[in-house]
Amino acid sequence: MRRRLGFAAVLWLWAGSLLAQGLPQGVSQALAAAKVPADAVAVVVQPLDASRPVLSHNAGRAMNPASVMKLLTTYAALEILGPAATWQTGAWAESLPDAEGRLAGSLYLKGSGDPKLGLEQFWLLLRQLQVRGVRHIDGDLVLDRSVFDLPPFDPAAFDNRPMRAYNVGPDGLLVDYRALRFTLRPEGDAVRFWSETPSEGLQVEARITPEPGPCSGWRDRLSIQRSPGRLEITGPYPLQCGEQSLLLAPLEAEEHVERLFRSLWRELGGSLQGRVRSGITPPQARLLTSRESPPVAEIVRDVNKWSNNVMARQLFLTLGHGEGVPSSTARARERLGRWLAAKGLDFPELVLENGAGLSRIERISAANLNRLLLAAWQSPVMPEFIASLPVAGQDGTLKRRLVDTAAGRVHAKTGYLDGVRTLAGYVQDVRGRRHAVTVFINHPQAGAAQTAIDALLLWVVGGMGAGPG
């Protein structure tokens, strides 16, 4: 058996030395068609049972990985926090409610950085409060976000689209992703518009006009204007889109929670006499009730399958928790660095801004990202990590790719930014052999080069029979 494995390794090393001279022909042709030069591309392909890559192209170059950086954050979270770890959001008070359900003082909502405190979970937390006897709050609702120590966040800094839901900043008490959900659906000569998220006192005026044409890019053509207590949405909507959801984040964190809380609390029959403000839970407060998040394994799955930037930021900052000190970006970076060092992974080129990949400055090399994939394959959390990745032709961000050619054979994270297209994960070839594959494209024409990434995946799936271009 050892002799067979040794002979196979020799064959793979021979193939690797050959292919390192150039990219597979189909990949080279697709890059040429997209007008992307080979020096703007980095590729590593390595069988999981081999000691060296069979294809290595620009592997050591530090490049922007876009959302593929989430692989580092999610793998670290699975190992550092553990797949079963959860977050707790608690409701605290300095006194108990009286027999009529009246709370004399303030109610404190204390967050722990939960990435998935959605509308349903928030409603359940409020209902738990009422079941425990709280119906009327004479004081304030105090929002305790102190688990994170963060500077002011500018949602327009990345792409000047401050109301896009993906630009929501991290928050120690993130409620329903700080997003408002709207639904649009063509009906005859009009477009129906529904506000799905309760938001007391917010007036939403929508003047959406139907139009023919393809559905692509419809969100970019809407005009969104915000003024105090009012949101105006106007513009065209292609009939071919059918029913679609529109997620917006027009409200500041405190205002978003206040409007949502007042709506849900009133629907449950409660009242709030004071105002909503940020603050710290006093040490003498007692816990009335709490809501537990889904476990890390489920959070990681949401982050990777659907490339959720907001959840990824929360997860990244959670890595900096410990010793009773609020987490910060610096503490999260330091903890992740110590974890890499303990695993013997030295990534000197690594630049981390938020761990989500929604960044112009984050950097990692294809070689080191591929080393991370190899380490994850050997990790005790490998099953949870692999299960979090989109599956080609089946789900997540790969649902519509390689449907008829490699469905089910590719488990990989995708990355998209202007001028960036990336992919990294695991590929099973037609002989059942599995490979770690990483490909980065950083070029103004990267958006046209997705076919080159797919050509690489098909080359691996097919057993790498084609020679270099």
Protein backbone atom coordinates (compact mmCIF):
# COMPACT_ATOMS: atom_id res chain seq x y z
CA MET A 1 0.00 0.00 0.00
CA ARG A 2 2.82 2.42 0.89
CA ARG A 3 4.53 1.76 -2.44
CA ARG A 4 1.29 2.50 -4.31
CA LEU A 5 0.79 5.74 -2.45
CA GLY A 6 4.39 6.73 -3.09
CA PHE A 7 4.03 6.09 -6.81
CA ALA A 8 0.82 8.11 -6.90
CA ALA A 9 2.51 10.99 -5.12
CA VAL A 10 5.32 10.95 -7.71
CA LEU A 11 2.74 11.16 -10.48
CA TRP A 12 1.01 14.11 -8.83
CA LEU A 13 4.30 15.93 -8.29
CA TRP A 14 5.18 15.37 -11.95
CA ALA A 15 1.79 16.69 -13.00
CA GLY A 16 2.22 19.65 -10.67
CA SER A 17 5.57 20.64 -12.17
CA LEU A 18 4.03 20.49 -15.62
CA LEU A 19 0.89 22.48 -14.83
CA ALA A 20 2.71 25.15 -12.84
CA GLN A 21 4.06 26.35 -16.20
CA GLY A 22 0.61 27.62 -17.16
CA LEU A 23 -3.11 27.46 -16.53
CA PRO A 24 -5.35 24.79 -18.05
CA GLN A 25 -6.32 25.59 -21.61
CA GLY A 26 -10.02 26.16 -20.90
CA VAL A 27 -9.17 28.57 -18.10
CA SER A 28 -6.69 30.49 -20.25
CA GLN A 29 -9.23 30.79 -23.05
CA ALA A 30 -11.95 32.05 -20.70
CA LEU A 31 -9.59 34.64 -19.21
CA ALA A 32 -8.60 35.82 -22.68
CA ALA A 33 -12.25 36.18 -23.65
CA ALA A 34 -12.85 38.25 -20.51
CA LYS A 35 -9.71 40.34 -21.23
CA VAL A 36 -8.17 39.38 -17.89
CA PRO A 37 -4.39 38.76 -17.96
CA ALA A 38 -3.03 35.67 -16.25
CA ASP A 39 -0.97 37.79 -13.86
CA ALA A 40 -4.23 39.08 -12.32
CA VAL A 41 -5.16 35.53 -11.32
CA ALA A 42 -3.98 33.27 -8.52
CA VAL A 43 -4.84 29.56 -8.46
CA VAL A 44 -4.02 26.63 -6.20
CA VAL A 45 -5.32 23.08 -6.68
CA GLN A 46 -4.17 20.40 -4.28
CA PRO A 47 -5.52 16.86 -3.74
CA LEU A 48 -6.38 16.40 -0.09
CA ASP A 49 -4.21 13.27 0.05
CA ALA A 50 -1.17 14.88 -1.58
CA SER A 51 1.63 16.88 0.02
CA ARG A 52 1.94 19.47 -2.76
CA PRO A 53 -0.36 21.26 -5.24
CA VAL A 54 -0.82 19.96 -8.75
CA LEU A 55 -1.46 23.53 -9.92
CA SER A 56 0.04 26.65 -8.39
CA HIS A 57 -0.18 29.98 -10.19
CA ASN A 58 0.72 33.30 -8.51
CA ALA A 59 -0.06 31.47 -5.27
CA GLY A 60 2.08 33.62 -2.99
CA ARG A 61 0.67 36.97 -4.07
CA ALA A 62 -1.43 38.86 -1.49
CA MET A 63 -4.81 39.54 -3.12
CA ASN A 64 -8.29 40.70 -2.21
CA PRO A 65 -10.34 37.57 -1.44
CA ALA A 66 -13.73 39.33 -1.16
CA SER A 67 -16.22 37.12 0.72
CA VAL A 68 -13.92 34.11 0.60
CA MET A 69 -12.35 35.72 3.69
CA LYS A 70 -15.43 34.44 5.54
CA LEU A 71 -13.81 30.99 5.42
CA LEU A 72 -11.14 32.18 7.82
CA THR A 73 -13.67 33.78 10.17
CA THR A 74 -16.08 30.84 10.20
CA TYR A 75 -13.45 28.14 10.58
CA ALA A 76 -11.85 30.09 13.44
CA ALA A 77 -15.25 30.52 15.10
CA LEU A 78 -15.99 26.80 14.91
CA GLU A 79 -12.69 25.93 16.59
CA ILE A 80 -12.36 28.83 19.04
CA LEU A 81 -15.99 29.12 20.17
CA GLY A 82 -17.10 25.55 19.42
CA PRO A 83 -19.96 24.40 17.16
CA ALA A 84 -22.47 24.31 20.05
CA ALA A 85 -21.71 27.75 21.54
CA THR A 86 -24.58 30.23 21.64
CA TRP A 87 -25.27 33.90 22.42
CA GLN A 88 -27.68 35.17 25.09
CA THR A 89 -29.82 38.30 24.90
CA GLY A 90 -31.23 39.19 28.31
CA ALA A 91 -33.95 41.42 29.72
CA TRP A 92 -32.95 42.88 33.09
CA ALA A 93 -34.57 45.15 35.67
CA GLU A 94 -33.75 46.60 39.08
CA SER A 95 -37.10 45.50 40.47
CA LEU A 96 -39.83 42.97 39.77
CA PRO A 97 -43.20 43.87 38.25
CA ASP A 98 -46.13 44.29 40.62
CA ALA A 99 -49.34 42.27 40.57
CA GLU A 100 -50.76 44.47 37.78
CA GLY A 101 -47.72 43.86 35.57
CA ARG A 102 -46.19 47.29 36.13
CA LEU A 103 -42.41 47.65 36.18
CA ALA A 104 -41.56 50.71 38.26
CA GLY A 105 -38.15 51.39 36.76
CA SER A 106 -36.42 50.84 33.44
CA LEU A 107 -36.08 47.66 31.42
CA TYR A 108 -32.58 46.82 30.19
CA LEU A 109 -32.01 44.78 27.03
CA LYS A 110 -28.45 43.48 27.20
CA GLY A 111 -26.90 42.08 24.04
CA SER A 112 -24.03 39.64 23.62
CA GLY A 113 -23.40 40.23 19.93
CA ASP A 114 -25.94 37.66 18.70
CA PRO A 115 -25.65 37.53 14.90
CA LYS A 116 -29.18 36.17 14.46
CA LEU A 117 -31.60 37.95 16.80
CA GLY A 118 -34.26 38.17 14.10
CA LEU A 119 -37.79 39.50 14.18
CA GLU A 120 -39.29 36.22 15.39
CA GLN A 121 -36.69 35.76 18.14
CA PHE A 122 -37.13 39.36 19.31
CA TRP A 123 -40.92 38.91 19.45
CA LEU A 124 -40.47 35.71 21.47
CA LEU A 125 -38.21 37.54 23.92
CA LEU A 126 -40.88 40.20 24.45
CA ARG A 127 -43.58 37.58 24.85
CA GLN A 128 -41.44 35.80 27.45
CA LEU A 129 -41.30 39.08 29.35
CA GLN A 130 -45.07 39.36 29.37
CA VAL A 131 -45.49 35.75 30.44
CA ARG A 132 -43.23 36.60 33.38
CA GLY A 133 -45.51 39.43 34.42
CA VAL A 134 -44.12 42.53 32.72
CA ARG A 135 -46.74 44.47 30.79
CA HIS A 136 -46.28 48.15 31.60
CA ILE A 137 -42.86 49.81 31.82
CA ASP A 138 -42.86 53.09 33.74
CA GLY A 139 -39.21 53.85 33.04
CA ASP A 140 -37.07 53.73 29.91
CA LEU A 141 -36.05 50.93 27.61
CA VAL A 142 -32.26 50.89 27.89
CA LEU A 143 -30.23 49.20 25.13
CA ASP A 144 -26.97 47.74 26.44
CA ARG A 145 -24.47 47.23 23.61
CA SER A 146 -21.39 47.27 25.83
CA VAL A 147 -20.22 43.79 24.80
CA PHE A 148 -18.56 45.50 21.79
CA ASP A 149 -16.24 48.49 22.06
CA LEU A 150 -16.35 50.06 18.61
CA PRO A 151 -15.72 53.46 17.03
CA PRO A 152 -18.51 55.19 15.07
CA PHE A 153 -19.39 53.24 11.95
CA ASP A 154 -19.97 54.88 8.56
CA PRO A 155 -22.31 52.71 6.44
CA ALA A 156 -21.46 54.78 3.36
CA ALA A 157 -17.72 54.19 3.60
CA PHE A 158 -17.56 51.02 1.50
CA ASP A 159 -19.61 51.88 -1.59
CA ASN A 160 -21.61 55.03 -0.76
CA ARG A 161 -24.80 53.00 -0.37
CA PRO A 162 -25.52 53.59 3.32
CA MET A 163 -29.06 52.20 3.26
CA ARG A 164 -28.15 48.84 1.75
CA ALA A 165 -28.67 46.10 4.32
CA TYR A 166 -25.24 44.56 3.74
CA ASN A 167 -23.62 47.81 4.93
CA VAL A 168 -25.06 47.57 8.45
CA GLY A 169 -22.27 47.81 11.00
CA PRO A 170 -21.65 45.45 13.92
CA ASP A 171 -23.72 45.98 17.05
CA GLY A 172 -23.63 44.40 20.50
CA LEU A 173 -27.45 44.39 20.40
CA LEU A 174 -28.21 43.78 16.73
CA VAL A 175 -31.96 43.35 16.31
CA ASP A 176 -33.37 41.90 13.06
CA TYR A 177 -30.13 42.82 11.26
CA ARG A 178 -31.27 46.49 11.59
CA ALA A 179 -33.07 46.02 8.29
CA LEU A 180 -36.58 46.74 7.05
CA ARG A 181 -38.09 44.21 4.65
CA PHE A 182 -40.36 45.28 1.81
CA THR A 183 -42.03 43.10 -0.83
CA LEU A 184 -42.80 44.10 -4.43
CA ARG A 185 -45.05 42.20 -6.81
CA PRO A 186 -46.43 43.17 -10.23
CA GLU A 187 -50.22 43.05 -10.45
CA GLY A 188 -51.66 44.09 -13.79
CA ASP A 189 -50.57 47.63 -14.61
CA ALA A 190 -49.31 48.33 -11.11
CA VAL A 191 -46.75 47.14 -8.59
CA ARG A 192 -47.98 46.12 -5.16
CA PHE A 193 -45.78 47.16 -2.27
CA TRP A 194 -45.86 45.83 1.29
CA SER A 195 -43.92 46.88 4.39
CA GLU A 196 -43.20 43.59 6.15
CA THR A 197 -41.28 44.86 9.22
CA PRO A 198 -43.23 46.54 12.04
CA SER A 199 -41.84 50.03 12.63
CA GLU A 200 -44.13 52.25 14.68
CA GLY A 201 -44.48 55.81 13.43
CA LEU A 202 -42.43 55.34 10.26
CA GLN A 203 -44.30 56.54 7.19
CA VAL A 204 -43.32 54.71 4.01
CA GLU A 205 -44.43 56.11 0.67
CA ALA A 206 -43.77 53.96 -2.39
CA ARG A 207 -44.31 55.09 -5.97
CA ILE A 208 -43.11 52.16 -8.05
CA THR A 209 -43.92 52.01 -11.76
CA PRO A 210 -43.93 48.76 -13.77
CA GLU A 211 -41.78 48.50 -16.88
CA PRO A 212 -40.77 45.81 -19.40
CA GLY A 213 -37.28 44.43 -19.58
CA PRO A 214 -34.94 42.09 -17.70
CA CYS A 215 -34.87 41.92 -13.93
CA SER A 216 -31.13 42.41 -13.39
CA GLY A 217 -30.07 45.47 -11.44
CA TRP A 218 -33.57 46.59 -10.45
CA ARG A 219 -32.55 47.60 -6.90
CA ASP A 220 -29.93 50.01 -8.26
CA ARG A 221 -32.57 51.93 -10.18
CA LEU A 222 -34.75 52.71 -7.18
CA SER A 223 -34.45 56.10 -5.53
CA ILE A 224 -34.62 56.02 -1.74
CA GLN A 225 -35.03 59.23 0.23
CA ARG A 226 -35.12 59.42 3.99
CA SER A 227 -36.31 62.22 6.25
CA PRO A 228 -37.27 62.15 9.95
CA GLY A 229 -40.08 59.62 10.38
CA ARG A 230 -40.47 59.15 6.65
CA LEU A 231 -39.10 56.93 3.88
CA GLU A 232 -39.82 57.52 0.19
CA ILE A 233 -39.12 54.82 -2.42
CA THR A 234 -39.62 55.61 -6.11
CA GLY A 235 -38.55 54.23 -9.46
CA PRO A 236 -39.19 51.52 -12.07
CA TYR A 237 -39.71 47.82 -11.45
CA PRO A 238 -39.31 45.25 -14.27
CA LEU A 239 -42.36 43.01 -14.70
CA GLN A 240 -40.08 40.03 -15.30
CA CYS A 241 -38.90 40.22 -11.69
CA GLY A 242 -42.12 38.79 -10.30
CA GLU A 243 -42.23 38.98 -6.50
CA GLN A 244 -39.01 40.22 -4.88
CA SER A 245 -37.85 41.36 -1.46
CA LEU A 246 -36.13 44.67 -0.81
CA LEU A 247 -34.02 44.99 2.34
CA LEU A 248 -33.08 48.48 3.50
CA ALA A 249 -31.37 49.86 6.59
CA PRO A 250 -32.51 53.50 6.72
CA LEU A 251 -32.66 53.86 10.52
CA GLU A 252 -29.98 54.34 13.14
CA ALA A 253 -29.60 51.42 15.53
CA GLU A 254 -31.44 53.04 18.46
CA GLU A 255 -34.31 54.28 16.31
CA HIS A 256 -34.68 50.90 14.62
CA VAL A 257 -35.04 49.06 17.94
CA GLU A 258 -37.38 51.70 19.35
CA ARG A 259 -39.82 51.59 16.44
CA LEU A 260 -39.75 47.78 16.34
CA PHE A 261 -40.10 47.41 20.12
CA ARG A 262 -42.99 49.86 20.40
CA SER A 263 -44.85 48.10 17.56
CA LEU A 264 -44.44 44.59 18.94
CA TRP A 265 -44.90 45.58 22.60
CA ARG A 266 -48.15 47.40 21.80
CA GLU A 267 -49.43 44.43 19.79
CA LEU A 268 -48.77 42.26 22.84
CA GLY A 269 -50.82 44.62 24.98
CA GLY A 270 -47.92 46.35 26.73
CA SER A 271 -47.00 49.99 27.24
CA LEU A 272 -43.75 51.96 27.57
CA GLN A 273 -43.92 55.31 29.37
CA GLY A 274 -40.28 56.35 29.03
CA ARG A 275 -37.96 56.73 26.09
CA VAL A 276 -35.56 54.34 24.36
CA ARG A 277 -31.88 55.06 24.92
CA SER A 278 -28.50 53.38 25.02
CA GLY A 279 -26.89 52.65 28.37
CA ILE A 280 -25.32 50.11 30.70
CA THR A 281 -27.13 47.49 32.75
CA PRO A 282 -26.54 48.33 36.44
CA PRO A 283 -24.78 45.66 38.51
CA GLN A 284 -27.74 45.34 40.89
CA ALA A 285 -30.16 44.48 38.06
CA ARG A 286 -31.65 41.01 37.99
CA LEU A 287 -32.31 38.84 34.95
CA LEU A 288 -36.01 38.56 34.11
CA THR A 289 -35.67 36.38 31.02
CA SER A 290 -33.32 35.71 28.11
CA ARG A 291 -33.30 34.41 24.58
CA GLU A 292 -30.66 31.97 23.31
CA SER A 293 -29.36 32.15 19.76
CA PRO A 294 -28.88 29.22 17.39
CA PRO A 295 -25.48 27.50 17.84
CA VAL A 296 -22.32 28.60 16.09
CA ALA A 297 -22.61 25.72 13.59
CA GLU A 298 -25.93 27.12 12.35
CA ILE A 299 -24.66 30.70 12.33
CA VAL A 300 -21.63 29.65 10.28
CA ARG A 301 -23.92 27.91 7.80
CA ASP A 302 -25.96 31.10 7.27
CA VAL A 303 -22.80 33.17 6.88
CA ASN A 304 -21.23 30.95 4.23
CA LYS A 305 -24.26 29.66 2.32
CA TRP A 306 -25.65 33.14 1.71
CA SER A 307 -22.53 35.26 2.26
CA ASN A 308 -24.14 37.27 5.06
CA ASN A 309 -21.80 40.18 5.74
CA VAL A 310 -23.61 41.50 8.81
CA MET A 311 -23.53 38.12 10.56
CA ALA A 312 -19.88 37.65 9.58
CA ARG A 313 -18.93 40.95 11.25
CA GLN A 314 -20.73 39.89 14.43
CA LEU A 315 -19.03 36.49 14.40
CA PHE A 316 -15.60 38.04 13.84
CA LEU A 317 -16.01 40.41 16.81
CA THR A 318 -17.22 37.58 19.02
CA LEU A 319 -13.75 36.07 18.66
CA GLY A 320 -12.45 38.99 20.74
CA HIS A 321 -14.62 38.22 23.78
CA GLY A 322 -13.00 37.16 27.02
CA GLU A 323 -11.79 38.17 30.45
CA GLY A 324 -14.74 40.52 30.98
CA VAL A 325 -13.37 43.05 28.49
CA PRO A 326 -15.56 44.32 25.62
CA SER A 327 -14.54 42.99 22.25
CA SER A 328 -12.98 45.19 19.61
CA THR A 329 -11.61 44.75 16.11
CA ALA A 330 -8.07 44.74 17.51
CA ARG A 331 -8.90 42.07 20.10
CA ALA A 332 -10.61 39.91 17.46
CA ARG A 333 -7.59 40.17 15.16
CA GLU A 334 -5.24 39.31 18.01
CA ARG A 335 -7.27 36.25 19.04
CA LEU A 336 -7.49 34.99 15.49
CA GLY A 337 -3.75 35.51 15.06
CA ARG A 338 -2.98 33.46 18.17
CA TRP A 339 -5.24 30.69 16.89
CA LEU A 340 -3.44 30.61 13.53
CA ALA A 341 -0.06 30.52 15.25
CA ALA A 342 -1.16 27.63 17.48
CA LYS A 343 -2.08 25.70 14.35
CA GLY A 344 1.30 26.39 12.76
CA LEU A 345 -0.26 28.64 10.10
CA ASP A 346 1.91 31.68 9.40
CA PHE A 347 0.13 34.15 7.10
CA PRO A 348 2.44 37.21 7.06
CA GLU A 349 0.50 38.89 4.23
CA LEU A 350 -2.87 38.62 6.01
CA VAL A 351 -4.81 41.88 6.36
CA LEU A 352 -8.11 41.76 8.26
CA GLU A 353 -10.54 44.66 8.43
CA ASN A 354 -13.84 43.03 9.41
CA GLY A 355 -13.52 39.31 8.66
CA ALA A 356 -16.41 39.47 6.18
CA GLY A 357 -14.51 40.30 3.01
CA LEU A 358 -16.65 43.41 2.41
CA SER A 359 -13.46 45.42 2.24
CA ARG A 360 -11.04 47.00 -0.18
CA ILE A 361 -8.03 46.37 2.05
CA GLU A 362 -8.38 42.77 3.25
CA ARG A 363 -5.68 40.54 1.80
CA ILE A 364 -4.55 36.92 1.84
CA SER A 365 -2.66 34.76 -0.65
CA ALA A 366 -4.22 31.86 -2.51
CA ALA A 367 -1.49 29.60 -1.13
CA ASN A 368 -2.35 30.40 2.47
CA LEU A 369 -6.09 30.29 1.93
CA ASN A 370 -5.56 26.84 0.48
CA ARG A 371 -3.46 25.88 3.52
CA LEU A 372 -6.44 26.92 5.63
CA LEU A 373 -8.68 24.58 3.62
CA LEU A 374 -6.26 21.70 4.15
CA ALA A 375 -6.14 22.39 7.90
CA ALA A 376 -9.94 22.55 8.08
CA TRP A 377 -10.20 19.18 6.35
CA GLN A 378 -8.15 17.64 9.17
CA SER A 379 -10.01 19.49 11.93
CA PRO A 380 -12.54 17.93 14.34
CA VAL A 381 -15.01 20.60 13.13
CA MET A 382 -14.58 19.56 9.49
CA PRO A 383 -18.16 18.21 9.14
CA GLU A 384 -19.70 21.47 10.35
CA PHE A 385 -17.34 23.53 8.19
CA ILE A 386 -18.00 21.58 4.99
CA ALA A 387 -21.74 21.59 5.62
CA SER A 388 -21.68 25.38 5.77
CA LEU A 389 -20.41 25.78 2.20
CA PRO A 390 -22.63 26.39 -0.83
CA VAL A 391 -23.08 23.31 -3.03
CA ALA A 392 -22.81 23.73 -6.79
CA GLY A 393 -26.14 23.41 -8.55
CA GLN A 394 -28.02 22.93 -5.30
CA ASP A 395 -27.98 25.78 -2.77
CA GLY A 396 -26.53 29.04 -1.52
CA THR A 397 -24.54 31.29 -3.81
CA LEU A 398 -23.70 28.32 -6.09
CA LYS A 399 -27.28 27.22 -6.62
CA ARG A 400 -27.39 28.32 -10.27
CA ARG A 401 -23.84 27.39 -11.23
CA LEU A 402 -22.63 24.13 -12.78
CA VAL A 403 -26.15 22.73 -12.53
CA ASP A 404 -25.77 20.33 -15.44
CA THR A 405 -22.03 19.69 -15.23
CA ALA A 406 -20.84 19.39 -11.61
CA ALA A 407 -23.87 19.58 -9.34
CA GLY A 408 -23.02 18.30 -5.87
CA ARG A 409 -19.29 17.96 -6.59
CA VAL A 410 -18.24 21.45 -5.50
CA HIS A 411 -18.56 22.74 -1.92
CA ALA A 412 -17.11 26.23 -2.03
CA LYS A 413 -17.43 29.83 -0.88
CA THR A 414 -17.75 32.51 -3.54
CA GLY A 415 -16.64 36.13 -3.42
CA TYR A 416 -17.83 39.14 -5.41
CA LEU A 417 -16.74 42.78 -5.35
CA ASP A 418 -16.24 45.30 -8.14
CA GLY A 419 -13.02 44.12 -9.74
CA VAL A 420 -12.88 40.91 -7.69
CA ARG A 421 -14.13 37.38 -8.33
CA THR A 422 -13.02 34.54 -6.06
CA LEU A 423 -13.86 31.00 -5.03
CA ALA A 424 -12.38 28.55 -2.53
CA GLY A 425 -13.47 25.17 -1.26
CA TYR A 426 -13.48 21.47 -2.04
CA VAL A 427 -14.05 19.65 -5.32
CA GLN A 428 -14.65 15.94 -5.88
CA ASP A 429 -13.50 14.66 -9.26
CA VAL A 430 -15.10 11.90 -11.34
CA ARG A 431 -12.87 9.29 -9.71
CA GLY A 432 -13.99 10.27 -6.22
CA ARG A 433 -10.80 12.09 -5.29
CA ARG A 434 -11.21 15.36 -3.39
CA HIS A 435 -9.19 18.53 -3.90
CA ALA A 436 -8.79 21.88 -2.17
CA VAL A 437 -9.24 24.61 -4.77
CA THR A 438 -8.63 28.35 -4.46
CA VAL A 439 -8.89 30.91 -7.24
CA PHE A 440 -8.61 34.70 -6.95
CA ILE A 441 -9.15 37.19 -9.77
CA ASN A 442 -8.33 40.84 -9.04
CA HIS A 443 -8.85 42.94 -12.16
CA PRO A 444 -11.29 45.58 -13.45
CA GLN A 445 -12.69 42.94 -15.83
CA ALA A 446 -13.05 40.29 -13.11
CA GLY A 447 -16.83 40.39 -13.39
CA ALA A 448 -16.57 38.89 -16.87
CA ALA A 449 -14.27 36.09 -15.74
CA GLN A 450 -16.66 33.85 -13.82
CA THR A 451 -16.54 31.44 -16.76
CA ALA A 452 -12.81 31.02 -16.12
CA ILE A 453 -13.49 29.97 -12.52
CA ASP A 454 -16.12 27.51 -13.70
CA ALA A 455 -13.69 26.17 -16.32
CA LEU A 456 -11.15 25.52 -13.57
CA LEU A 457 -13.73 23.67 -11.48
CA LEU A 458 -14.77 21.52 -14.44
CA TRP A 459 -11.11 20.77 -15.18
CA VAL A 460 -10.71 19.47 -11.63
CA VAL A 461 -14.01 17.56 -11.71
CA GLY A 462 -12.99 15.92 -14.99
CA GLY A 463 -9.77 14.55 -13.54
CA MET A 464 -7.47 17.33 -14.84
CA GLY A 465 -6.97 15.66 -18.21
CA ALA A 466 -6.37 18.88 -20.12
CA GLY A 467 -2.87 20.22 -20.31
CA PRO A 468 -1.79 23.78 -19.64
CA GLY A 469 -2.52 26.53 -22.08
